[in-house]
């Protein structure tokens, strides 16, 4: 079926280490702070820097529905362990993390309320925010946001919410592995 012609407001946002400012981190922080009601995101890697963690927690504390979809199965165990290391910091804030159980999703997307969404190459990790050249297409269009919402709702149906047992119910050796993985998070 041929694509329908549509008129949507869109902006391509490139980020990378050649910028004078940390554009990757600033892009994430701006998107998080712009949310008034909802901030849903999906990323194969969730290893944010502390400013992004703080912004997510603040968004949840001001009443924003913050949901993050990450894979249940990682291609590298250290990435999975590092992602779990953030749970104790955010567990009481209202930020909800879901593990996608059907395969290994590789989408990078964020839905901000019903008015803006972006898709692109940026993971929620330090490499994407500070070290890699990335690009994201930001779209301000309710129709596009509805499509992203439907996609994320489908993904949430195939996901399970991370709970205290995912961290606290693990063995001491496993928790040690999580802490060691966190040490490497700035370069993951």
N, C-alpha and C. Protein backbone atom coordinates (compact mmCIF):
# COMPACT_ATOMS: atom_id res chain seq x y z
N UNK A 1 0.85 -1.17 0.00
CA UNK A 1 0.00 0.00 0.00
C UNK A 1 0.89 1.23 0.00
N UNK A 2 0.63 2.17 -0.87
CA UNK A 2 1.46 3.38 -0.93
C UNK A 2 1.29 4.23 0.33
N UNK A 3 2.36 4.91 0.68
CA UNK A 3 2.32 5.80 1.85
C UNK A 3 1.41 6.98 1.56
N UNK A 4 0.65 7.36 2.57
CA UNK A 4 -0.22 8.51 2.42
C UNK A 4 0.59 9.78 2.65
N UNK A 5 0.27 10.81 1.89
CA UNK A 5 0.97 12.07 2.13
C UNK A 5 0.40 12.70 3.39
N UNK A 6 1.27 13.08 4.27
CA UNK A 6 0.87 13.68 5.53
C UNK A 6 1.75 14.88 5.81
N UNK A 7 1.19 15.81 6.54
CA UNK A 7 1.93 17.00 6.90
C UNK A 7 2.13 16.97 8.41
N UNK A 8 3.34 16.65 8.85
CA UNK A 8 3.64 16.55 10.27
C UNK A 8 4.85 17.41 10.59
N UNK A 9 4.83 17.99 11.78
CA UNK A 9 5.99 18.74 12.23
C UNK A 9 7.03 17.76 12.75
N UNK A 10 8.22 17.83 12.17
CA UNK A 10 9.29 16.92 12.57
C UNK A 10 10.62 17.66 12.54
N UNK A 11 11.50 17.23 13.41
CA UNK A 11 12.83 17.82 13.50
C UNK A 11 13.83 16.70 13.72
N UNK A 12 14.86 16.67 12.90
CA UNK A 12 15.94 15.70 13.10
C UNK A 12 16.96 16.31 14.06
N UNK A 13 17.27 15.58 15.14
CA UNK A 13 18.20 16.08 16.16
C UNK A 13 19.43 15.19 16.19
N UNK A 14 20.55 15.68 15.62
CA UNK A 14 21.79 14.92 15.71
C UNK A 14 22.52 15.24 17.01
N UNK A 15 23.16 14.25 17.59
CA UNK A 15 23.96 14.46 18.79
C UNK A 15 25.30 13.74 18.61
N UNK A 16 26.29 14.16 19.38
CA UNK A 16 27.58 13.50 19.28
C UNK A 16 28.67 14.20 20.03
N UNK A 17 29.82 13.55 20.12
CA UNK A 17 30.93 14.09 20.89
C UNK A 17 31.61 15.31 20.27
N UNK A 18 31.30 15.62 19.02
CA UNK A 18 31.94 16.78 18.39
C UNK A 18 31.24 18.08 18.76
N UNK A 19 30.09 18.00 19.41
CA UNK A 19 29.36 19.21 19.80
C UNK A 19 30.05 19.90 20.96
N UNK A 20 29.94 21.21 21.01
CA UNK A 20 30.53 21.97 22.12
C UNK A 20 29.80 21.72 23.43
N UNK A 21 28.52 21.36 23.34
CA UNK A 21 27.71 21.05 24.52
C UNK A 21 27.39 19.55 24.54
N UNK A 22 27.04 18.99 25.69
CA UNK A 22 26.66 17.57 25.74
C UNK A 22 25.23 17.39 25.21
N UNK A 23 25.08 17.49 23.90
CA UNK A 23 23.75 17.53 23.28
C UNK A 23 22.94 16.26 23.54
N UNK A 24 23.58 15.11 23.63
CA UNK A 24 22.84 13.87 23.89
C UNK A 24 22.15 13.89 25.23
N UNK A 25 22.86 14.27 26.27
CA UNK A 25 22.27 14.35 27.61
C UNK A 25 21.22 15.45 27.65
N UNK A 26 21.53 16.59 27.07
CA UNK A 26 20.58 17.71 27.07
C UNK A 26 19.29 17.35 26.34
N UNK A 27 19.40 16.58 25.27
CA UNK A 27 18.23 16.14 24.52
C UNK A 27 17.32 15.29 25.42
N UNK A 28 17.91 14.32 26.11
CA UNK A 28 17.12 13.47 27.02
C UNK A 28 16.51 14.29 28.15
N UNK A 29 17.30 15.15 28.76
CA UNK A 29 16.80 15.95 29.88
C UNK A 29 15.65 16.86 29.44
N UNK A 30 15.77 17.44 28.26
CA UNK A 30 14.69 18.29 27.75
C UNK A 30 13.41 17.48 27.55
N UNK A 31 13.52 16.33 26.92
CA UNK A 31 12.34 15.48 26.68
C UNK A 31 11.69 15.07 28.00
N UNK A 32 12.49 14.69 28.97
CA UNK A 32 11.94 14.26 30.27
C UNK A 32 11.25 15.43 30.97
N UNK A 33 11.89 16.59 30.96
CA UNK A 33 11.30 17.74 31.66
C UNK A 33 10.07 18.29 30.93
N UNK A 34 9.92 18.01 29.64
CA UNK A 34 8.77 18.49 28.88
C UNK A 34 7.50 17.70 29.18
N UNK A 35 7.64 16.50 29.73
CA UNK A 35 6.48 15.65 29.99
C UNK A 35 5.64 16.23 31.13
N UNK A 36 4.34 16.27 30.90
CA UNK A 36 3.39 16.75 31.91
C UNK A 36 2.55 15.61 32.46
N UNK A 37 2.19 14.65 31.61
CA UNK A 37 1.31 13.56 32.01
C UNK A 37 1.95 12.18 31.84
N UNK A 38 2.68 12.01 30.74
CA UNK A 38 3.17 10.67 30.41
C UNK A 38 4.52 10.76 29.74
N UNK A 39 5.39 9.82 30.12
CA UNK A 39 6.70 9.67 29.48
C UNK A 39 6.96 8.16 29.39
N UNK A 40 6.71 7.63 28.21
CA UNK A 40 6.94 6.21 27.98
C UNK A 40 8.12 6.09 27.03
N UNK A 41 9.00 5.16 27.32
CA UNK A 41 10.15 4.96 26.45
C UNK A 41 10.52 3.50 26.36
N UNK A 42 11.18 3.16 25.27
CA UNK A 42 11.69 1.81 25.06
C UNK A 42 13.11 1.93 24.54
N UNK A 43 13.98 1.09 25.08
CA UNK A 43 15.37 1.09 24.66
C UNK A 43 15.98 -0.28 24.96
N UNK A 44 16.83 -0.77 24.09
CA UNK A 44 17.48 -2.05 24.39
C UNK A 44 18.49 -1.94 25.53
N UNK A 45 18.93 -0.72 25.84
CA UNK A 45 19.90 -0.54 26.92
C UNK A 45 19.47 0.59 27.84
N UNK A 46 19.43 0.32 29.13
CA UNK A 46 19.05 1.30 30.14
C UNK A 46 20.20 1.43 31.13
N UNK A 47 21.13 2.33 30.81
CA UNK A 47 22.29 2.59 31.67
C UNK A 47 22.53 4.09 31.64
N UNK A 48 21.58 4.86 32.20
CA UNK A 48 21.64 6.32 32.10
C UNK A 48 22.68 6.92 33.04
N UNK A 49 23.05 8.17 32.76
CA UNK A 49 23.92 8.86 33.71
C UNK A 49 23.03 9.41 34.84
N UNK A 50 23.66 9.91 35.88
CA UNK A 50 22.92 10.30 37.08
C UNK A 50 21.94 11.44 36.83
N UNK A 51 22.27 12.35 35.93
CA UNK A 51 21.34 13.46 35.66
C UNK A 51 20.04 12.96 35.05
N UNK A 52 20.12 11.94 34.21
CA UNK A 52 18.91 11.37 33.59
C UNK A 52 18.11 10.59 34.63
N UNK A 53 18.79 9.83 35.49
CA UNK A 53 18.09 9.13 36.58
C UNK A 53 17.33 10.14 37.43
N UNK A 54 18.01 11.21 37.82
CA UNK A 54 17.38 12.24 38.65
C UNK A 54 16.18 12.87 37.94
N UNK A 55 16.30 13.14 36.65
CA UNK A 55 15.21 13.75 35.89
C UNK A 55 14.02 12.80 35.80
N UNK A 56 14.27 11.50 35.62
CA UNK A 56 13.19 10.51 35.58
C UNK A 56 12.47 10.45 36.92
N UNK A 57 13.24 10.42 38.00
CA UNK A 57 12.65 10.39 39.35
C UNK A 57 11.83 11.64 39.60
N UNK A 58 12.36 12.80 39.25
CA UNK A 58 11.61 14.06 39.43
C UNK A 58 10.32 14.07 38.61
N UNK A 59 10.38 13.55 37.39
CA UNK A 59 9.17 13.49 36.57
C UNK A 59 8.12 12.63 37.25
N UNK A 60 8.52 11.47 37.74
CA UNK A 60 7.56 10.58 38.42
C UNK A 60 7.02 11.23 39.68
N UNK A 61 7.87 11.91 40.43
CA UNK A 61 7.42 12.55 41.66
C UNK A 61 6.46 13.71 41.41
N UNK A 62 6.55 14.33 40.23
CA UNK A 62 5.59 15.41 39.93
C UNK A 62 4.34 14.87 39.26
N UNK A 63 4.18 13.55 39.22
CA UNK A 63 2.95 12.93 38.76
C UNK A 63 2.95 12.43 37.33
N UNK A 64 4.08 12.46 36.65
CA UNK A 64 4.16 11.96 35.28
C UNK A 64 4.20 10.42 35.32
N UNK A 65 3.44 9.79 34.44
CA UNK A 65 3.44 8.33 34.30
C UNK A 65 4.69 7.94 33.52
N UNK A 66 5.73 7.53 34.24
CA UNK A 66 7.02 7.18 33.62
C UNK A 66 7.11 5.67 33.51
N UNK A 67 7.22 5.18 32.28
CA UNK A 67 7.37 3.74 32.02
C UNK A 67 8.54 3.53 31.06
N UNK A 68 9.37 2.58 31.40
CA UNK A 68 10.54 2.28 30.59
C UNK A 68 10.50 0.80 30.24
N UNK A 69 10.57 0.49 28.95
CA UNK A 69 10.57 -0.90 28.49
C UNK A 69 11.99 -1.26 28.08
N UNK A 70 12.51 -2.30 28.71
CA UNK A 70 13.84 -2.83 28.38
C UNK A 70 13.69 -4.32 28.07
N UNK A 71 14.64 -4.92 27.42
CA UNK A 71 14.51 -6.34 27.13
C UNK A 71 14.72 -7.21 28.37
N UNK A 72 14.07 -8.35 28.37
CA UNK A 72 14.35 -9.31 29.44
C UNK A 72 15.64 -10.06 29.14
N UNK A 73 15.86 -10.31 27.85
CA UNK A 73 17.07 -11.00 27.43
C UNK A 73 18.02 -10.01 26.77
N UNK A 74 19.18 -9.87 27.33
CA UNK A 74 20.19 -8.96 26.79
C UNK A 74 21.17 -9.74 25.94
N UNK A 75 21.77 -9.06 25.00
CA UNK A 75 22.81 -9.69 24.21
C UNK A 75 24.12 -9.78 24.99
N UNK A 76 24.27 -8.94 26.02
CA UNK A 76 25.45 -9.00 26.89
C UNK A 76 24.99 -8.93 28.35
N UNK A 77 25.39 -9.90 29.15
CA UNK A 77 24.95 -9.98 30.55
C UNK A 77 25.33 -8.75 31.35
N UNK A 78 26.49 -8.15 31.08
CA UNK A 78 26.92 -6.98 31.84
C UNK A 78 25.94 -5.83 31.65
N UNK A 79 25.33 -5.72 30.47
CA UNK A 79 24.34 -4.66 30.22
C UNK A 79 23.08 -4.89 31.06
N UNK A 80 22.66 -6.14 31.14
CA UNK A 80 21.48 -6.49 31.93
C UNK A 80 21.73 -6.22 33.41
N UNK A 81 22.88 -6.63 33.90
CA UNK A 81 23.22 -6.42 35.31
C UNK A 81 23.33 -4.92 35.63
N UNK A 82 23.95 -4.17 34.74
CA UNK A 82 24.07 -2.72 34.95
C UNK A 82 22.69 -2.07 34.98
N UNK A 83 21.77 -2.50 34.12
CA UNK A 83 20.41 -1.95 34.12
C UNK A 83 19.71 -2.23 35.45
N UNK A 84 19.87 -3.43 35.99
CA UNK A 84 19.25 -3.76 37.28
C UNK A 84 19.82 -2.93 38.42
N UNK A 85 21.02 -2.42 38.27
CA UNK A 85 21.65 -1.66 39.35
C UNK A 85 20.92 -0.36 39.65
N UNK A 86 20.08 0.11 38.72
CA UNK A 86 19.35 1.36 38.93
C UNK A 86 18.07 1.17 39.73
N UNK A 87 17.63 -0.08 39.87
CA UNK A 87 16.36 -0.33 40.53
C UNK A 87 16.29 0.23 41.96
N UNK A 88 17.29 -0.01 42.82
CA UNK A 88 17.18 0.54 44.18
C UNK A 88 17.06 2.06 44.24
N UNK A 89 17.62 2.76 43.25
CA UNK A 89 17.55 4.22 43.23
C UNK A 89 16.17 4.75 42.85
N UNK A 90 15.43 3.99 42.06
CA UNK A 90 14.18 4.52 41.53
C UNK A 90 12.94 3.79 42.02
N UNK A 91 13.11 2.71 42.79
CA UNK A 91 11.98 1.84 43.10
C UNK A 91 10.85 2.55 43.84
N UNK A 92 11.11 3.53 44.66
CA UNK A 92 10.06 4.20 45.42
C UNK A 92 9.60 5.51 44.80
N UNK A 93 10.12 5.84 43.63
CA UNK A 93 9.79 7.13 43.01
C UNK A 93 8.55 7.10 42.15
N UNK A 94 8.16 5.93 41.70
CA UNK A 94 7.04 5.82 40.77
C UNK A 94 7.47 5.53 39.35
N UNK A 95 8.78 5.57 39.06
CA UNK A 95 9.27 5.16 37.74
C UNK A 95 9.04 3.66 37.63
N UNK A 96 8.41 3.24 36.54
CA UNK A 96 8.11 1.83 36.35
C UNK A 96 8.96 1.29 35.21
N UNK A 97 9.60 0.17 35.47
CA UNK A 97 10.43 -0.49 34.45
C UNK A 97 9.79 -1.83 34.12
N UNK A 98 9.72 -2.10 32.82
CA UNK A 98 9.13 -3.34 32.33
C UNK A 98 10.17 -4.11 31.52
N UNK A 99 10.17 -5.42 31.70
CA UNK A 99 11.06 -6.30 30.92
C UNK A 99 10.25 -6.94 29.80
N UNK A 100 10.62 -6.63 28.57
CA UNK A 100 9.96 -7.19 27.39
C UNK A 100 10.38 -8.63 27.26
N UNK A 101 9.41 -9.55 27.19
CA UNK A 101 9.71 -10.98 27.28
C UNK A 101 9.75 -11.71 25.94
N UNK A 102 9.43 -11.04 24.84
CA UNK A 102 9.34 -11.72 23.55
C UNK A 102 10.50 -11.26 22.67
N UNK A 103 11.62 -11.95 22.75
CA UNK A 103 12.76 -11.58 21.94
C UNK A 103 13.57 -10.43 22.52
N UNK A 104 14.37 -9.84 21.66
CA UNK A 104 15.24 -8.72 22.06
C UNK A 104 14.88 -7.50 21.22
N UNK A 105 14.01 -6.62 21.74
CA UNK A 105 13.62 -5.44 20.95
C UNK A 105 14.81 -4.49 20.80
N UNK A 106 14.87 -3.86 19.67
CA UNK A 106 15.98 -2.93 19.45
C UNK A 106 15.49 -1.52 19.15
N UNK A 107 14.21 -1.26 19.44
CA UNK A 107 13.67 0.07 19.17
C UNK A 107 14.15 1.07 20.21
N UNK A 108 14.30 2.30 19.76
CA UNK A 108 14.63 3.43 20.64
C UNK A 108 13.57 4.48 20.37
N UNK A 109 12.70 4.66 21.34
CA UNK A 109 11.55 5.53 21.13
C UNK A 109 11.13 6.14 22.46
N UNK A 110 10.56 7.35 22.39
CA UNK A 110 10.04 8.02 23.57
C UNK A 110 8.74 8.72 23.18
N UNK A 111 7.73 8.57 24.05
CA UNK A 111 6.43 9.22 23.88
C UNK A 111 6.26 10.21 25.02
N UNK A 112 6.06 11.46 24.67
CA UNK A 112 5.91 12.54 25.65
C UNK A 112 4.48 13.06 25.55
N UNK A 113 3.68 12.73 26.58
CA UNK A 113 2.26 13.08 26.59
C UNK A 113 1.60 12.55 25.32
N UNK A 114 0.69 13.32 24.75
CA UNK A 114 0.06 12.93 23.47
C UNK A 114 0.47 13.89 22.37
N UNK A 115 1.57 14.63 22.61
CA UNK A 115 1.89 15.70 21.67
C UNK A 115 3.23 15.55 20.97
N UNK A 116 4.12 14.73 21.50
CA UNK A 116 5.44 14.63 20.89
C UNK A 116 6.00 13.23 21.10
N UNK A 117 6.70 12.74 20.10
CA UNK A 117 7.38 11.46 20.20
C UNK A 117 8.65 11.53 19.38
N UNK A 118 9.60 10.70 19.74
CA UNK A 118 10.78 10.60 18.90
C UNK A 118 11.16 9.15 18.71
N UNK A 119 11.75 8.89 17.57
CA UNK A 119 12.34 7.59 17.25
C UNK A 119 13.73 7.88 16.72
N UNK A 120 14.66 6.98 16.97
CA UNK A 120 16.01 7.23 16.49
C UNK A 120 16.98 6.17 16.90
N UNK A 121 18.22 6.59 17.04
CA UNK A 121 19.30 5.64 17.34
C UNK A 121 19.81 5.74 18.77
N UNK A 122 19.31 6.68 19.57
CA UNK A 122 19.84 6.89 20.92
C UNK A 122 19.28 5.90 21.92
N UNK A 123 20.18 5.16 22.55
CA UNK A 123 19.82 4.31 23.68
C UNK A 123 19.80 5.18 24.94
N UNK A 124 19.27 4.63 26.00
CA UNK A 124 19.31 5.32 27.29
C UNK A 124 20.58 4.86 28.00
N UNK A 125 21.70 5.25 27.44
CA UNK A 125 22.98 4.88 28.03
C UNK A 125 24.02 5.97 27.78
N UNK A 126 25.10 5.89 28.51
CA UNK A 126 26.13 6.91 28.45
C UNK A 126 26.79 6.99 27.07
N UNK A 127 26.94 5.85 26.41
CA UNK A 127 27.57 5.86 25.07
C UNK A 127 26.73 6.69 24.10
N UNK A 128 25.41 6.48 24.11
CA UNK A 128 24.55 7.25 23.20
C UNK A 128 24.47 8.72 23.59
N UNK A 129 24.53 8.98 24.89
CA UNK A 129 24.37 10.37 25.34
C UNK A 129 25.65 11.18 25.23
N UNK A 130 26.80 10.53 25.28
CA UNK A 130 28.06 11.29 25.33
C UNK A 130 29.12 10.87 24.32
N UNK A 131 29.13 9.62 23.90
CA UNK A 131 30.27 9.12 23.13
C UNK A 131 29.98 8.86 21.66
N UNK A 132 28.75 8.47 21.33
CA UNK A 132 28.43 8.09 19.95
C UNK A 132 27.76 9.23 19.20
N UNK A 133 27.88 9.19 17.90
CA UNK A 133 27.10 10.07 17.04
C UNK A 133 25.75 9.39 16.85
N UNK A 134 24.67 10.10 17.21
CA UNK A 134 23.32 9.54 17.15
C UNK A 134 22.41 10.51 16.42
N UNK A 135 21.25 10.04 16.06
CA UNK A 135 20.25 10.89 15.43
C UNK A 135 18.85 10.44 15.82
N UNK A 136 17.99 11.41 16.10
CA UNK A 136 16.62 11.11 16.49
C UNK A 136 15.67 12.04 15.74
N UNK A 137 14.55 11.49 15.31
CA UNK A 137 13.54 12.27 14.64
C UNK A 137 12.44 12.58 15.64
N UNK A 138 12.28 13.84 15.97
CA UNK A 138 11.27 14.30 16.92
C UNK A 138 10.05 14.75 16.11
N UNK A 139 8.89 14.19 16.45
CA UNK A 139 7.66 14.47 15.70
C UNK A 139 6.61 15.04 16.66
N UNK A 140 6.06 16.19 16.30
CA UNK A 140 4.95 16.80 17.06
C UNK A 140 3.69 16.59 16.24
N UNK A 141 2.97 15.52 16.56
CA UNK A 141 1.77 15.18 15.81
C UNK A 141 0.97 14.16 16.62
N UNK A 142 -0.29 14.48 16.89
CA UNK A 142 -1.11 13.58 17.70
C UNK A 142 -1.32 12.23 17.03
N UNK A 143 -1.47 12.21 15.71
CA UNK A 143 -1.63 10.94 14.99
C UNK A 143 -0.41 10.05 15.14
N UNK A 144 0.76 10.63 14.97
CA UNK A 144 2.00 9.86 15.14
C UNK A 144 2.13 9.38 16.58
N UNK A 145 1.81 10.25 17.53
CA UNK A 145 1.87 9.86 18.95
C UNK A 145 0.92 8.71 19.24
N UNK A 146 -0.24 8.69 18.61
CA UNK A 146 -1.19 7.59 18.80
C UNK A 146 -0.60 6.29 18.28
N UNK A 147 0.09 6.34 17.14
CA UNK A 147 0.74 5.14 16.59
C UNK A 147 1.82 4.63 17.54
N UNK A 148 2.61 5.54 18.09
CA UNK A 148 3.66 5.15 19.04
C UNK A 148 3.03 4.58 20.30
N UNK A 149 1.95 5.21 20.77
CA UNK A 149 1.26 4.70 21.96
C UNK A 149 0.77 3.27 21.73
N UNK A 150 0.14 3.01 20.59
CA UNK A 150 -0.36 1.66 20.29
C UNK A 150 0.78 0.65 20.25
N UNK A 151 1.90 1.03 19.65
CA UNK A 151 3.07 0.14 19.60
C UNK A 151 3.56 -0.17 21.01
N UNK A 152 3.69 0.87 21.85
CA UNK A 152 4.19 0.66 23.21
C UNK A 152 3.20 -0.11 24.07
N UNK A 153 1.90 0.10 23.88
CA UNK A 153 0.89 -0.67 24.62
C UNK A 153 0.99 -2.16 24.26
N UNK A 154 1.23 -2.45 22.99
CA UNK A 154 1.42 -3.84 22.58
C UNK A 154 2.67 -4.41 23.24
N UNK A 155 3.74 -3.63 23.28
CA UNK A 155 4.97 -4.10 23.93
C UNK A 155 4.75 -4.31 25.43
N UNK A 156 3.98 -3.43 26.06
CA UNK A 156 3.71 -3.59 27.50
C UNK A 156 2.91 -4.86 27.78
N UNK A 157 2.05 -5.27 26.85
CA UNK A 157 1.29 -6.52 27.01
C UNK A 157 2.23 -7.73 27.03
N UNK A 158 3.37 -7.59 26.37
CA UNK A 158 4.35 -8.67 26.30
C UNK A 158 5.48 -8.48 27.30
N UNK A 159 5.22 -7.67 28.31
CA UNK A 159 6.26 -7.33 29.28
C UNK A 159 5.78 -7.65 30.69
N UNK A 160 6.73 -7.74 31.60
CA UNK A 160 6.44 -7.92 33.02
C UNK A 160 7.15 -6.79 33.77
N UNK A 161 6.48 -6.24 34.76
CA UNK A 161 7.06 -5.13 35.50
C UNK A 161 8.16 -5.61 36.43
N UNK A 162 9.25 -4.88 36.46
CA UNK A 162 10.35 -5.18 37.37
C UNK A 162 9.88 -4.87 38.78
N UNK A 163 10.13 -5.79 39.68
CA UNK A 163 9.73 -5.60 41.07
C UNK A 163 10.91 -5.84 42.01
N UNK A 164 10.67 -5.70 43.30
CA UNK A 164 11.76 -5.87 44.28
C UNK A 164 12.46 -7.22 44.19
N UNK A 165 11.72 -8.27 43.81
CA UNK A 165 12.34 -9.60 43.72
C UNK A 165 13.41 -9.68 42.64
N UNK A 166 13.30 -8.80 41.63
CA UNK A 166 14.30 -8.80 40.55
C UNK A 166 15.67 -8.36 41.04
N UNK A 167 15.69 -7.64 42.15
CA UNK A 167 16.97 -7.20 42.72
C UNK A 167 17.20 -7.86 44.08
N UNK A 168 16.26 -7.65 44.99
CA UNK A 168 16.46 -8.10 46.37
C UNK A 168 16.34 -9.61 46.52
N UNK A 169 15.65 -10.28 45.61
CA UNK A 169 15.49 -11.72 45.70
C UNK A 169 16.64 -12.51 45.11
N UNK A 170 17.67 -11.84 44.70
CA UNK A 170 18.83 -12.51 44.07
C UNK A 170 19.87 -12.89 45.11
N UNK A 171 20.75 -13.78 44.70
CA UNK A 171 21.81 -14.23 45.60
C UNK A 171 22.82 -13.11 45.83
N UNK A 172 23.61 -13.25 46.86
CA UNK A 172 24.64 -12.27 47.18
C UNK A 172 25.64 -12.15 46.03
N UNK A 173 25.99 -13.27 45.42
CA UNK A 173 26.93 -13.26 44.29
C UNK A 173 26.32 -12.49 43.10
N UNK A 174 25.04 -12.68 42.84
CA UNK A 174 24.37 -11.98 41.76
C UNK A 174 24.35 -10.47 42.02
N UNK A 175 24.04 -10.09 43.26
CA UNK A 175 24.03 -8.66 43.63
C UNK A 175 25.42 -8.06 43.50
N UNK A 176 26.43 -8.85 43.83
CA UNK A 176 27.81 -8.38 43.65
C UNK A 176 28.09 -8.13 42.17
N UNK A 177 27.62 -9.05 41.32
CA UNK A 177 27.76 -8.87 39.87
C UNK A 177 27.08 -7.61 39.38
N UNK A 178 25.90 -7.30 39.96
CA UNK A 178 25.18 -6.07 39.60
C UNK A 178 26.00 -4.84 39.98
N UNK A 179 26.61 -4.87 41.17
CA UNK A 179 27.40 -3.72 41.62
C UNK A 179 28.66 -3.55 40.78
N UNK A 180 29.29 -4.66 40.41
CA UNK A 180 30.49 -4.59 39.56
C UNK A 180 30.10 -4.05 38.18
N UNK A 181 28.97 -4.51 37.63
CA UNK A 181 28.53 -4.03 36.34
C UNK A 181 28.28 -2.52 36.39
N UNK A 182 27.75 -2.04 37.50
CA UNK A 182 27.47 -0.60 37.64
C UNK A 182 28.77 0.21 37.56
N UNK A 183 29.86 -0.34 38.05
CA UNK A 183 31.15 0.36 37.97
C UNK A 183 31.54 0.65 36.52
N UNK A 184 31.12 -0.23 35.61
CA UNK A 184 31.48 -0.07 34.20
C UNK A 184 30.46 0.76 33.42
N UNK A 185 29.37 1.20 34.08
CA UNK A 185 28.30 1.88 33.36
C UNK A 185 28.74 3.12 32.58
N UNK A 186 29.75 3.90 33.04
CA UNK A 186 30.14 5.06 32.23
C UNK A 186 30.68 4.71 30.84
N UNK A 187 31.14 3.49 30.65
CA UNK A 187 31.69 3.13 29.34
C UNK A 187 30.81 2.13 28.59
N UNK A 188 29.70 1.74 29.18
CA UNK A 188 28.83 0.75 28.51
C UNK A 188 27.89 1.43 27.53
